[in-house]
C-alpha atoms as a PDB file:
ATOM      1  CA  UNK A   1      -2.356 -36.823  41.232  1.00  0.00           C
ATOM      2  CA  UNK A   2      -1.183 -36.809  37.546  1.00  0.00           C
ATOM      3  CA  UNK A   3      -1.257 -32.844  37.448  1.00  0.00           C
ATOM      4  CA  UNK A   4       1.138 -32.955  40.631  1.00  0.00           C
ATOM      5  CA  UNK A   5       3.432 -35.325  39.059  1.00  0.00           C
ATOM      6  CA  UNK A   6       3.887 -33.611  36.053  1.00  0.00           C
ATOM      7  CA  UNK A   7       4.225 -29.700  37.804  1.00  0.00           C
ATOM      8  CA  UNK A   8       6.988 -31.696  40.060  1.00  0.00           C
ATOM      9  CA  UNK A   9       8.771 -33.129  37.005  1.00  0.00           C
ATOM     10  CA  UNK A  10       8.204 -30.630  34.313  1.00  0.00           C
ATOM     11  CA  UNK A  11       7.412 -27.398  36.312  1.00  0.00           C
ATOM     12  CA  UNK A  12       4.358 -25.250  34.820  1.00  0.00           C
ATOM     13  CA  UNK A  13       2.831 -26.528  31.552  1.00  0.00           C
ATOM     14  CA  UNK A  14       5.372 -25.722  28.773  1.00  0.00           C
ATOM     15  CA  UNK A  15       4.505 -23.807  25.719  1.00  0.00           C
ATOM     16  CA  UNK A  16       6.021 -26.910  23.717  1.00  0.00           C
ATOM     17  CA  UNK A  17       6.092 -30.631  23.623  1.00  0.00           C
ATOM     18  CA  UNK A  18       8.880 -31.914  25.954  1.00  0.00           C
ATOM     19  CA  UNK A  19      10.776 -33.423  23.001  1.00  0.00           C
ATOM     20  CA  UNK A  20      11.646 -37.444  22.565  1.00  0.00           C
ATOM     21  CA  UNK A  21      11.455 -39.528  25.352  1.00  0.00           C
ATOM     22  CA  UNK A  22      14.867 -40.432  25.500  1.00  0.00           C
ATOM     23  CA  UNK A  23      15.941 -36.834  25.935  1.00  0.00           C
ATOM     24  CA  UNK A  24      13.937 -36.521  29.324  1.00  0.00           C
ATOM     25  CA  UNK A  25      15.808 -36.484  32.421  1.00  0.00           C
ATOM     26  CA  UNK A  26      15.268 -39.807  34.151  1.00  0.00           C
ATOM     27  CA  UNK A  27      12.921 -38.466  36.763  1.00  0.00           C
ATOM     28  CA  UNK A  28      10.553 -36.974  33.820  1.00  0.00           C
ATOM     29  CA  UNK A  29      10.832 -40.485  31.914  1.00  0.00           C
ATOM     30  CA  UNK A  30       9.531 -42.264  35.039  1.00  0.00           C
ATOM     31  CA  UNK A  31       6.572 -40.077  35.361  1.00  0.00           C
ATOM     32  CA  UNK A  32       5.521 -40.513  31.860  1.00  0.00           C
ATOM     33  CA  UNK A  33       6.076 -44.100  32.287  1.00  0.00           C
ATOM     34  CA  UNK A  34       3.814 -44.210  35.256  1.00  0.00           C
ATOM     35  CA  UNK A  35       1.102 -42.453  33.764  1.00  0.00           C
ATOM     36  CA  UNK A  36       1.247 -44.156  30.670  1.00  0.00           C
ATOM     37  CA  UNK A  37       0.712 -47.556  32.521  1.00  0.00           C
ATOM     38  CA  UNK A  38      -2.227 -46.200  34.121  1.00  0.00           C
ATOM     39  CA  UNK A  39      -5.428 -48.976  33.828  1.00  0.00           C
ATOM     40  CA  UNK A  40      -8.058 -48.232  31.007  1.00  0.00           C
ATOM     41  CA  UNK A  41     -10.460 -46.738  33.431  1.00  0.00           C
ATOM     42  CA  UNK A  42      -8.188 -43.965  34.401  1.00  0.00           C
ATOM     43  CA  UNK A  43      -8.128 -43.149  30.694  1.00  0.00           C
ATOM     44  CA  UNK A  44     -11.813 -42.633  30.647  1.00  0.00           C
ATOM     45  CA  UNK A  45     -11.428 -39.575  33.131  1.00  0.00           C
ATOM     46  CA  UNK A  46     -11.741 -36.485  31.037  1.00  0.00           C
ATOM     47  CA  UNK A  47      -9.319 -34.528  33.346  1.00  0.00           C
ATOM     48  CA  UNK A  48      -6.728 -36.955  33.165  1.00  0.00           C
ATOM     49  CA  UNK A  49      -6.454 -36.902  29.155  1.00  0.00           C
ATOM     50  CA  UNK A  50      -6.691 -32.957  29.749  1.00  0.00           C
ATOM     51  CA  UNK A  51      -3.791 -32.823  32.439  1.00  0.00           C
ATOM     52  CA  UNK A  52      -1.647 -34.715  29.651  1.00  0.00           C
ATOM     53  CA  UNK A  53      -2.733 -32.472  26.786  1.00  0.00           C
ATOM     54  CA  UNK A  54      -1.695 -29.226  29.238  1.00  0.00           C
ATOM     55  CA  UNK A  55       1.831 -30.817  29.392  1.00  0.00           C
ATOM     56  CA  UNK A  56       1.770 -31.234  25.745  1.00  0.00           C
ATOM     57  CA  UNK A  57       1.967 -34.964  26.227  1.00  0.00           C
ATOM     58  CA  UNK A  58      -0.057 -37.474  24.057  1.00  0.00           C
ATOM     59  CA  UNK A  59      -3.622 -37.696  25.391  1.00  0.00           C
ATOM     60  CA  UNK A  60      -4.166 -40.900  24.172  1.00  0.00           C
ATOM     61  CA  UNK A  61      -3.134 -44.314  26.214  1.00  0.00           C
ATOM     62  CA  UNK A  62      -1.714 -46.239  23.240  1.00  0.00           C
ATOM     63  CA  UNK A  63       0.347 -42.892  22.078  1.00  0.00           C
ATOM     64  CA  UNK A  64       1.631 -41.974  25.644  1.00  0.00           C
ATOM     65  CA  UNK A  65       2.464 -45.544  25.849  1.00  0.00           C
ATOM     66  CA  UNK A  66       4.525 -45.462  22.484  1.00  0.00           C
ATOM     67  CA  UNK A  67       6.155 -42.232  23.348  1.00  0.00           C
ATOM     68  CA  UNK A  68       7.295 -44.217  26.658  1.00  0.00           C
ATOM     69  CA  UNK A  69       8.498 -46.968  24.873  1.00  0.00           C
ATOM     70  CA  UNK A  70       5.630 -49.258  26.345  1.00  0.00           C
ATOM     71  CA  UNK A  71       3.796 -51.548  24.150  1.00  0.00           C
END
């Protein structure tokens, strides 16, 4: 689901990081917020963090939450 959401929002994995959160389109911000808000057990799945890395997003929970302005 995470890969599908990112592919629909960002397209294929980009060669560069997506840039500051505030500059992302609203749908991309929403997708990042939802992924950042996933429960702690989700973050233990290696494929979840690999998916985030493929789209050049922070692959640690606190880092992605910080990127999305969640704390």
